[in-house]
Protein backbone atom coordinates (compact mmCIF):
# COMPACT_ATOMS: atom_id res chain seq x y z
CA MET A 1 164.85 4.15 15.66
CA SER A 2 163.38 1.55 18.00
CA ALA A 3 164.75 -1.93 18.54
CA THR A 4 161.81 -3.31 16.55
CA GLN A 5 162.69 -1.25 13.51
CA THR A 6 166.40 -1.99 13.91
CA GLY A 7 165.71 -5.72 14.21
CA LEU A 8 163.55 -5.72 11.10
CA LEU A 9 166.11 -3.75 9.10
CA ALA A 10 169.01 -5.93 10.28
CA GLY A 11 167.08 -9.10 9.44
CA LEU A 12 166.27 -7.87 5.95
CA VAL A 13 169.86 -6.81 5.25
CA LEU A 14 171.27 -10.08 6.57
CA GLY A 15 168.73 -12.03 4.55
CA LEU A 16 169.71 -10.24 1.36
CA ALA A 17 173.40 -10.75 2.06
CA ALA A 18 173.00 -14.46 2.79
CA THR A 19 170.94 -15.42 -0.23
CA GLY A 20 171.11 -15.61 -3.96
CA GLY A 21 169.00 -17.09 -6.70
CA PHE A 22 165.30 -17.84 -6.90
CA THR A 23 164.55 -18.21 -3.19
CA ALA A 24 166.12 -14.89 -2.16
CA PHE A 25 162.76 -13.21 -1.62
CA LEU A 26 161.37 -15.92 0.65
CA VAL A 27 164.53 -16.23 2.71
CA THR A 28 164.75 -12.44 3.08
CA LEU A 29 161.12 -12.28 4.18
CA ALA A 30 161.63 -15.04 6.77
CA VAL A 31 164.78 -13.46 8.19
CA GLY A 32 163.03 -10.08 8.29
CA VAL A 33 160.16 -11.53 10.30
CA ILE A 34 162.64 -13.10 12.72
CA GLY A 35 164.36 -9.72 13.09
CA LEU A 36 161.00 -8.05 13.69
CA VAL A 37 160.07 -10.53 16.44
CA VAL A 38 163.46 -10.16 18.14
CA GLY A 39 163.11 -6.38 18.02
CA ARG A 40 159.63 -6.53 19.55
CA VAL A 41 160.93 -8.74 22.36
CA LEU A 42 163.77 -6.28 23.04
CA ASP A 43 161.30 -3.36 23.05
CA GLY A 44 159.09 -5.20 25.53
CA GLY A 45 156.17 -5.26 23.11
CA LEU A 46 156.08 -9.05 22.93
CA ASP A 47 156.34 -11.48 25.82
CA LEU A 48 157.72 -14.87 24.84
CA GLY A 49 156.27 -16.45 27.98
CA ASP A 50 152.75 -15.73 26.73
CA LEU A 51 153.54 -17.20 23.33
CA LEU A 52 155.03 -20.36 24.80
CA GLY A 53 152.24 -20.84 27.32
CA ARG A 54 154.40 -20.26 30.37
CA GLY A 55 153.16 -16.77 31.13
CA ARG A 56 150.45 -17.73 33.61
CA ASP A 57 150.35 -20.05 36.57
CA LYS A 58 147.24 -22.21 36.71
């Protein structure tokens, strides 16, 4: 399992564990997306410098 998949799974599990009630689905989805992004960064599939605009010198 790649770091992306592990990050997504960990985010979803932590989101489910941390929530309760009506907003559980939305919080779980948000935490899952955060886990997915962290996993992509760890895999090298996403460069935060490009997202933040610091990836290129002008």
